């Protein structure tokens, strides 16, 4: 996958593979400097499709999935003072 007008690739948190579908990868782009929030990308390798969802929180530093409900994703954020 290449960066373009719809996808921003960074050296941020490592991408996360979906717990029940190894062909799906999640990654993010966001910054707290301009208050733009965070874009959460989902790459489906079988369909070669990237979708994006916007979240208003800044500084997402980790993804995790609920073990009992793999469709529930948690976003970890950090605030440095």
C-alpha atoms as a PDB file:
ATOM      1  CA  UNK A   1       0.000   0.000   0.000  1.00  0.00           C
ATOM      2  CA  UNK A   2       1.221   3.488  -0.781  1.00  0.00           C
ATOM      3  CA  UNK A   3       0.537   6.794   0.892  1.00  0.00           C
ATOM      4  CA  UNK A   4      -1.767   9.015  -1.166  1.00  0.00           C
ATOM      5  CA  UNK A   5      -4.397  11.722  -0.597  1.00  0.00           C
ATOM      6  CA  UNK A   6      -6.614   9.278   1.308  1.00  0.00           C
ATOM      7  CA  UNK A   7      -3.987   7.334   3.290  1.00  0.00           C
ATOM      8  CA  UNK A   8      -1.334   8.786   5.583  1.00  0.00           C
ATOM      9  CA  UNK A   9       1.413   6.388   6.690  1.00  0.00           C
ATOM     10  CA  UNK A  10       3.515   7.259   9.742  1.00  0.00           C
ATOM     11  CA  UNK A  11       6.122   5.748  12.043  1.00  0.00           C
ATOM     12  CA  UNK A  12       3.542   5.765  14.834  1.00  0.00           C
ATOM     13  CA  UNK A  13       2.033   2.890  16.760  1.00  0.00           C
ATOM     14  CA  UNK A  14       2.604  -0.471  15.102  1.00  0.00           C
ATOM     15  CA  UNK A  15      -0.220  -1.753  12.901  1.00  0.00           C
ATOM     16  CA  UNK A  16      -2.536  -4.236  14.589  1.00  0.00           C
ATOM     17  CA  UNK A  17      -3.877  -7.423  13.005  1.00  0.00           C
ATOM     18  CA  UNK A  18      -7.545  -8.178  13.676  1.00  0.00           C
ATOM     19  CA  UNK A  19      -7.805 -11.042  16.216  1.00  0.00           C
ATOM     20  CA  UNK A  20     -10.147 -13.224  14.137  1.00  0.00           C
ATOM     21  CA  UNK A  21      -9.168 -12.190  10.598  1.00  0.00           C
ATOM     22  CA  UNK A  22      -5.429 -12.191   9.849  1.00  0.00           C
ATOM     23  CA  UNK A  23      -6.128 -10.536   6.485  1.00  0.00           C
ATOM     24  CA  UNK A  24      -7.291  -7.334   8.186  1.00  0.00           C
ATOM     25  CA  UNK A  25      -4.793  -4.787   9.484  1.00  0.00           C
ATOM     26  CA  UNK A  26      -5.565  -1.623  11.475  1.00  0.00           C
ATOM     27  CA  UNK A  27      -3.313   1.447  11.659  1.00  0.00           C
ATOM     28  CA  UNK A  28      -3.719   5.110  12.532  1.00  0.00           C
ATOM     29  CA  UNK A  29      -2.744   8.669  11.732  1.00  0.00           C
ATOM     30  CA  UNK A  30      -3.308  11.560  14.101  1.00  0.00           C
ATOM     31  CA  UNK A  31      -1.616  14.330  15.985  1.00  0.00           C
ATOM     32  CA  UNK A  32      -2.396  16.416  19.030  1.00  0.00           C
ATOM     33  CA  UNK A  33      -0.582  19.462  17.671  1.00  0.00           C
ATOM     34  CA  UNK A  34      -3.393  20.670  15.438  1.00  0.00           C
ATOM     35  CA  UNK A  35      -6.356  19.065  17.203  1.00  0.00           C
ATOM     36  CA  UNK A  36      -7.404  17.059  14.159  1.00  0.00           C
ATOM     37  CA  UNK A  37      -8.106  13.847  16.054  1.00  0.00           C
ATOM     38  CA  UNK A  38      -7.137  10.438  14.700  1.00  0.00           C
ATOM     39  CA  UNK A  39      -7.962   8.563  11.514  1.00  0.00           C
ATOM     40  CA  UNK A  40      -8.291   4.815  12.036  1.00  0.00           C
ATOM     41  CA  UNK A  41      -7.559   2.838   8.861  1.00  0.00           C
ATOM     42  CA  UNK A  42      -8.662  -0.720   8.133  1.00  0.00           C
ATOM     43  CA  UNK A  43      -6.852  -2.587   5.359  1.00  0.00           C
ATOM     44  CA  UNK A  44      -8.503  -5.754   4.025  1.00  0.00           C
ATOM     45  CA  UNK A  45      -5.765  -7.563   2.105  1.00  0.00           C
ATOM     46  CA  UNK A  46      -8.130 -10.010   0.391  1.00  0.00           C
ATOM     47  CA  UNK A  47     -10.145  -7.233  -1.210  1.00  0.00           C
ATOM     48  CA  UNK A  48      -7.219  -4.773  -1.382  1.00  0.00           C
ATOM     49  CA  UNK A  49      -9.511  -2.228   0.257  1.00  0.00           C
ATOM     50  CA  UNK A  50      -8.676   0.512   2.753  1.00  0.00           C
ATOM     51  CA  UNK A  51     -11.429   2.206   4.749  1.00  0.00           C
ATOM     52  CA  UNK A  52     -11.026   5.098   7.172  1.00  0.00           C
ATOM     53  CA  UNK A  53     -12.965   6.107  10.279  1.00  0.00           C
ATOM     54  CA  UNK A  54     -12.304   9.387  12.088  1.00  0.00           C
ATOM     55  CA  UNK A  55     -12.087   9.611  15.877  1.00  0.00           C
ATOM     56  CA  UNK A  56     -12.000  12.951  17.688  1.00  0.00           C
ATOM     57  CA  UNK A  57      -9.364  11.811  20.224  1.00  0.00           C
ATOM     58  CA  UNK A  58      -5.718  12.760  19.701  1.00  0.00           C
ATOM     59  CA  UNK A  59      -2.565  10.775  20.421  1.00  0.00           C
ATOM     60  CA  UNK A  60      -3.793   7.238  19.904  1.00  0.00           C
ATOM     61  CA  UNK A  61      -0.805   5.089  20.807  1.00  0.00           C
ATOM     62  CA  UNK A  62      -2.240   1.562  20.884  1.00  0.00           C
ATOM     63  CA  UNK A  63      -5.055  -0.672  19.671  1.00  0.00           C
ATOM     64  CA  UNK A  64      -6.545  -3.632  21.510  1.00  0.00           C
ATOM     65  CA  UNK A  65      -9.537  -5.869  20.925  1.00  0.00           C
ATOM     66  CA  UNK A  66     -11.990  -7.219  23.481  1.00  0.00           C
ATOM     67  CA  UNK A  67     -11.223 -10.966  23.777  1.00  0.00           C
ATOM     68  CA  UNK A  68     -14.894 -11.823  24.303  1.00  0.00           C
ATOM     69  CA  UNK A  69     -16.132  -9.488  21.535  1.00  0.00           C
ATOM     70  CA  UNK A  70     -13.495  -9.294  18.759  1.00  0.00           C
ATOM     71  CA  UNK A  71     -15.578  -6.665  16.957  1.00  0.00           C
ATOM     72  CA  UNK A  72     -14.914  -4.204  19.808  1.00  0.00           C
ATOM     73  CA  UNK A  73     -11.699  -2.212  19.393  1.00  0.00           C
ATOM     74  CA  UNK A  74     -10.160  -0.166  22.198  1.00  0.00           C
ATOM     75  CA  UNK A  75      -7.989   2.856  21.461  1.00  0.00           C
ATOM     76  CA  UNK A  76      -5.210   3.697  23.898  1.00  0.00           C
ATOM     77  CA  UNK A  77      -4.302   7.358  24.254  1.00  0.00           C
ATOM     78  CA  UNK A  78      -1.438   9.107  26.025  1.00  0.00           C
ATOM     79  CA  UNK A  79      -1.114  12.653  27.260  1.00  0.00           C
ATOM     80  CA  UNK A  80       2.309  14.097  27.968  1.00  0.00           C
ATOM     81  CA  UNK A  81       2.555  17.036  30.325  1.00  0.00           C
END
